Protein backbone atom coordinates (compact mmCIF):
# COMPACT_ATOMS: atom_id res chain seq x y z
CA MET A 1 -16.51 -47.73 57.97
CA ILE A 2 -16.80 -49.95 54.93
CA MET A 3 -13.61 -49.98 52.89
CA ALA A 4 -13.74 -50.55 49.14
CA SER A 5 -11.72 -53.42 47.87
CA THR A 6 -8.53 -52.55 46.07
CA GLY A 7 -10.00 -53.82 42.80
CA GLU A 8 -12.80 -51.21 42.86
CA TRP A 9 -10.54 -48.13 43.00
CA PRO A 10 -9.16 -48.32 39.43
CA LEU A 11 -12.69 -48.50 38.04
CA ARG A 12 -13.88 -45.55 40.12
CA TRP A 13 -10.78 -43.59 39.22
CA TRP A 14 -11.41 -44.08 35.50
CA LEU A 15 -15.06 -43.08 35.84
CA VAL A 16 -14.10 -39.88 37.64
CA THR A 17 -11.41 -39.15 35.10
CA LEU A 18 -13.79 -39.68 32.17
CA GLY A 19 -16.35 -37.43 33.84
CA CYS A 20 -13.80 -34.66 34.25
CA VAL A 21 -12.65 -34.99 30.67
CA GLY A 22 -16.23 -34.90 29.40
CA THR A 23 -16.95 -31.78 31.43
CA ALA A 24 -13.81 -30.13 30.12
CA VAL A 25 -14.81 -30.91 26.54
CA LEU A 26 -18.27 -29.46 27.04
CA VAL A 27 -16.88 -26.33 28.65
CA ALA A 28 -14.36 -25.91 25.87
CA ALA A 29 -17.07 -26.41 23.27
CA GLY A 30 -19.21 -23.84 25.01
CA VAL A 31 -16.37 -21.35 24.88
CA VAL A 32 -15.86 -21.94 21.19
CA VAL A 33 -19.53 -21.47 20.43
CA SER A 34 -19.96 -18.36 22.52
CA ASP A 35 -16.79 -16.80 21.14
CA GLY A 36 -17.62 -17.56 17.51
CA PRO A 37 -19.41 -15.33 15.03
CA THR A 38 -23.04 -14.76 15.89
CA ARG A 39 -25.66 -15.89 13.42
CA ASP A 40 -27.22 -13.16 11.37
CA PRO A 41 -30.37 -11.62 12.83
CA VAL A 42 -32.58 -12.01 9.77
CA SER A 43 -36.23 -12.37 10.70
CA SER A 44 -38.33 -14.97 8.92
CA ALA A 45 -40.62 -12.20 7.69
CA ARG A 46 -37.73 -10.34 6.09
CA ALA A 47 -36.46 -13.54 4.49
CA GLN A 48 -39.93 -14.23 3.10
CA ARG A 49 -40.12 -10.71 1.65
CA ALA A 50 -36.75 -11.31 0.02
CA GLN A 51 -38.09 -14.55 -1.48
CA SER A 52 -41.01 -12.63 -2.97
CA THR A 53 -38.66 -9.98 -4.34
CA LEU A 54 -36.39 -12.64 -5.80
CA ALA A 55 -39.32 -14.25 -7.60
CA GLY A 56 -39.94 -11.01 -9.48
CA VAL A 57 -36.34 -10.25 -10.48
CA ALA A 58 -35.50 -10.43 -14.17
CA VAL A 59 -33.08 -13.26 -14.95
CA VAL A 60 -30.47 -13.83 -17.63
CA GLY A 61 -29.05 -17.25 -18.39
CA GLU A 62 -25.46 -16.51 -17.44
CA ARG A 63 -23.41 -13.48 -16.54
CA SER A 64 -21.70 -11.92 -19.54
CA SER A 65 -18.95 -9.60 -18.33
CA ARG A 66 -18.82 -6.36 -20.30
CA THR A 67 -15.46 -4.95 -21.29
CA ASP A 68 -16.41 -1.29 -20.76
CA TYR A 69 -16.72 -1.32 -16.95
CA GLN A 70 -14.84 1.42 -15.08
CA ARG A 71 -15.06 2.19 -11.38
CA GLU A 72 -15.15 5.90 -12.22
CA ALA A 73 -18.56 5.39 -13.81
CA PHE A 74 -19.95 5.09 -10.27
CA GLY A 75 -18.53 8.44 -9.22
CA THR A 76 -15.82 9.45 -6.80
CA ALA A 77 -15.25 6.69 -4.26
CA TRP A 78 -17.19 7.23 -1.02
CA THR A 79 -18.56 10.61 -1.99
CA ASP A 80 -20.99 12.19 0.45
CA ALA A 81 -22.83 14.00 -2.37
CA VAL A 82 -25.58 11.42 -2.81
CA ASP A 83 -29.28 11.20 -2.06
CA VAL A 84 -29.29 7.97 -0.02
CA ALA A 85 -29.37 7.20 3.69
CA ASP A 86 -26.51 9.03 5.45
CA GLY A 87 -25.78 10.97 2.28
CA ALA A 88 -24.96 14.67 2.50
CA ASN A 89 -24.31 14.40 6.24
CA GLY A 90 -20.81 15.88 6.17
CA CYS A 91 -19.00 12.52 6.34
CA ASP A 92 -17.73 10.32 3.53
CA THR A 93 -19.45 6.98 3.00
CA ARG A 94 -16.52 4.88 4.29
CA ASN A 95 -16.64 6.58 7.67
CA ASP A 96 -20.42 6.29 7.80
CA VAL A 97 -20.12 2.51 7.40
CA LEU A 98 -17.22 2.20 9.83
CA GLY A 99 -19.25 4.11 12.39
CA ARG A 100 -22.23 1.82 11.85
CA ASP A 101 -20.41 -1.54 11.82
CA LEU A 102 -17.53 -1.11 14.28
CA GLY A 103 -17.82 -1.12 18.04
CA ASP A 104 -15.85 0.60 20.80
CA THR A 105 -15.01 3.39 18.38
CA ARG A 106 -12.95 6.54 18.89
CA ARG A 107 -13.64 9.53 16.67
CA GLY A 108 -11.57 12.37 15.34
CA PRO A 109 -11.53 14.84 12.44
CA VAL A 110 -10.12 14.07 9.00
CA SER A 111 -10.42 15.99 5.76
CA THR A 112 -13.53 14.10 4.65
CA CYS A 113 -15.30 13.80 8.00
CA PRO A 114 -15.20 15.82 11.23
CA ARG A 115 -16.14 12.75 13.27
CA ALA A 116 -14.26 10.00 11.45
CA VAL A 117 -13.61 6.62 13.06
CA VAL A 118 -9.96 6.60 14.11
CA ALA A 119 -10.11 3.35 16.11
CA GLY A 120 -12.55 0.54 16.75
CA GLU A 121 -13.06 -3.19 16.62
CA PHE A 122 -15.43 -5.67 15.04
CA ARG A 123 -15.89 -9.24 13.93
CA SER A 124 -15.86 -9.55 10.16
CA PRO A 125 -19.24 -10.98 9.13
CA TYR A 126 -17.63 -12.80 6.21
CA THR A 127 -15.26 -14.89 8.35
CA GLY A 128 -15.96 -14.26 12.03
CA GLU A 129 -12.42 -12.93 12.39
CA PHE A 130 -11.99 -10.38 15.19
CA ILE A 131 -10.20 -7.26 13.95
CA VAL A 132 -8.92 -4.21 15.77
CA PHE A 133 -9.00 -1.15 13.53
CA ARG A 134 -6.53 1.73 13.85
CA ARG A 135 -6.45 4.49 11.25
CA ASP A 136 -2.76 5.13 11.90
CA ARG A 137 -1.78 1.44 11.59
CA ARG A 138 -2.96 -0.98 8.89
CA ALA A 139 -6.16 0.92 8.21
CA GLY A 140 -6.60 -1.24 5.12
CA ALA A 141 -7.16 -4.33 7.29
CA VAL A 142 -10.82 -3.25 7.35
CA GLN A 143 -12.43 -2.64 3.98
CA ILE A 144 -15.92 -1.69 2.85
CA ASP A 145 -17.47 -4.23 0.51
CA HIS A 146 -20.26 -3.70 -2.00
CA ILE A 147 -22.52 -6.67 -1.37
CA VAL A 148 -23.72 -6.39 -4.96
CA PRO A 149 -20.36 -5.73 -6.66
CA LEU A 150 -20.27 -2.67 -8.88
CA ALA A 151 -18.82 -4.59 -11.83
CA TYR A 152 -21.59 -7.18 -11.47
CA ALA A 153 -24.20 -4.41 -11.29
CA TRP A 154 -22.69 -2.91 -14.44
CA ASP A 155 -23.09 -6.21 -16.28
CA MET A 156 -26.66 -6.62 -14.99
CA GLY A 157 -27.96 -3.26 -16.19
CA ALA A 158 -26.12 -0.40 -14.48
CA TYR A 159 -24.20 0.34 -17.67
CA ALA A 160 -27.40 2.00 -18.95
CA TRP A 161 -28.13 4.02 -15.80
CA PRO A 162 -27.66 7.76 -15.37
CA PRO A 163 -24.57 8.73 -13.34
CA THR A 164 -26.64 9.78 -10.32
CA THR A 165 -28.17 6.33 -9.92
CA ARG A 166 -24.76 4.68 -10.19
CA ARG A 167 -23.39 6.98 -7.48
CA GLU A 168 -26.31 6.09 -5.25
CA LEU A 169 -25.73 2.35 -5.61
CA ALA A 170 -22.02 2.77 -4.87
CA ASN A 171 -22.75 4.68 -1.65
CA ASP A 172 -26.02 3.16 -0.47
CA PRO A 173 -25.46 1.75 3.04
CA ALA A 174 -27.91 -1.04 2.22
CA ASN A 175 -25.28 -2.34 -0.22
CA LEU A 176 -22.26 -1.85 2.03
CA VAL A 177 -20.65 -3.77 4.87
CA ALA A 178 -17.32 -3.53 6.72
CA VAL A 179 -15.30 -6.74 6.25
CA ASP A 180 -11.78 -8.09 6.56
CA ALA A 181 -9.47 -7.20 3.67
CA ALA A 182 -8.71 -10.78 2.68
CA SER A 183 -12.38 -11.62 2.14
CA ASN A 184 -12.98 -8.48 0.14
CA LEU A 185 -10.09 -9.31 -2.14
CA ALA A 186 -11.15 -12.95 -2.46
CA LYS A 187 -14.69 -11.96 -3.40
CA SER A 188 -13.68 -9.25 -5.89
CA ASP A 189 -16.65 -8.80 -8.28
CA ARG A 190 -17.90 -12.38 -8.00
CA GLU A 191 -21.61 -13.15 -7.95
CA PRO A 192 -23.32 -15.51 -5.45
CA ALA A 193 -23.10 -18.49 -7.80
CA VAL A 194 -19.32 -18.20 -7.63
CA TRP A 195 -18.69 -16.77 -4.15
CA MET A 196 -20.48 -16.71 -0.82
CA PRO A 197 -19.03 -15.64 2.54
CA PRO A 198 -16.91 -18.36 4.20
CA ASN A 199 -18.94 -17.81 7.38
CA ALA A 200 -22.11 -19.80 6.66
CA GLY A 201 -23.78 -18.07 9.62
CA PHE A 202 -23.89 -14.86 7.55
CA HIS A 203 -25.42 -16.42 4.44
CA CYS A 204 -28.99 -15.41 5.26
CA GLN A 205 -28.07 -11.79 5.89
CA TYR A 206 -25.93 -11.72 2.76
CA ALA A 207 -28.61 -13.27 0.56
CA VAL A 208 -31.34 -10.98 1.91
CA GLN A 209 -29.28 -7.84 1.35
CA PHE A 210 -28.18 -8.96 -2.11
CA VAL A 211 -31.78 -9.55 -3.15
CA GLU A 212 -33.04 -6.33 -1.54
CA VAL A 213 -30.47 -4.26 -3.44
CA VAL A 214 -31.08 -6.04 -6.74
CA GLY A 215 -34.81 -5.52 -6.30
CA ALA A 216 -34.56 -1.88 -5.23
CA TYR A 217 -32.34 -0.94 -8.19
CA ARG A 218 -34.11 -3.25 -10.66
CA LEU A 219 -31.00 -5.13 -11.62
CA ARG A 220 -31.03 -8.46 -13.36
CA LEU A 221 -29.65 -11.68 -11.91
CA ASP A 222 -27.84 -14.52 -13.59
CA ALA A 223 -29.78 -17.76 -13.30
CA PRO A 224 -27.13 -19.70 -11.30
CA SER A 225 -26.97 -16.93 -8.70
CA LYS A 226 -30.75 -16.78 -8.41
CA GLN A 227 -30.74 -20.49 -7.68
CA VAL A 228 -28.09 -20.11 -4.98
CA LEU A 229 -29.90 -17.19 -3.35
CA ALA A 230 -33.23 -19.01 -3.45
CA GLY A 231 -31.65 -22.01 -1.74
CA VAL A 232 -30.21 -19.85 1.04
CA LEU A 233 -33.45 -17.94 1.62
CA ALA A 234 -35.41 -21.19 1.82
CA ARG A 235 -33.28 -22.18 4.83
CA CYS A 236 -33.51 -18.85 6.66
């Protein structure tokens, strides 16, 4: 048997140690990546359609906030009496969206829905934060956000709409997403030029949905927000 000299062992020991550390770092990094928020599943074709829609949207120089906005102008919150997807199905809009966006759900009857979500879990697309929802405990931790804020829509043309169209925008699932409460409060009625989701991995999905809703309801866009949305869509 050939014995290594005593001077070789420290070098070999350090090489082994560095190898183990490197492996540990890679494994840890893999865990972080796999456990993080998934990137939005926007197809290139859908992003290109959104780019075409964005090109045809009417633009104003800057947003001018009107002083006559009232949430009540968009109807009773989460009413089921609307002619949009999932409308008039016997469940209020909030529970429709919770049922769509949350996983591992449990259902039960409430006054506004016979099959309401009473428990579930999801990862907020705005932050990647994992949230467990319980109707009987901190139900407000999960909120439903209007991707195109109602106050922004009001400023961009909805003030002149008939009440039925405003109700449809407020309850259209294409304009709604379940998110964490903190993000919803931070966003408020801010437009894309001022606020985008902290989770950059959701920017494509957010931009596509924003443009699709603006295009479908023929809203205007402020020029800075159009520039932001165009930049996001170009990278999708």
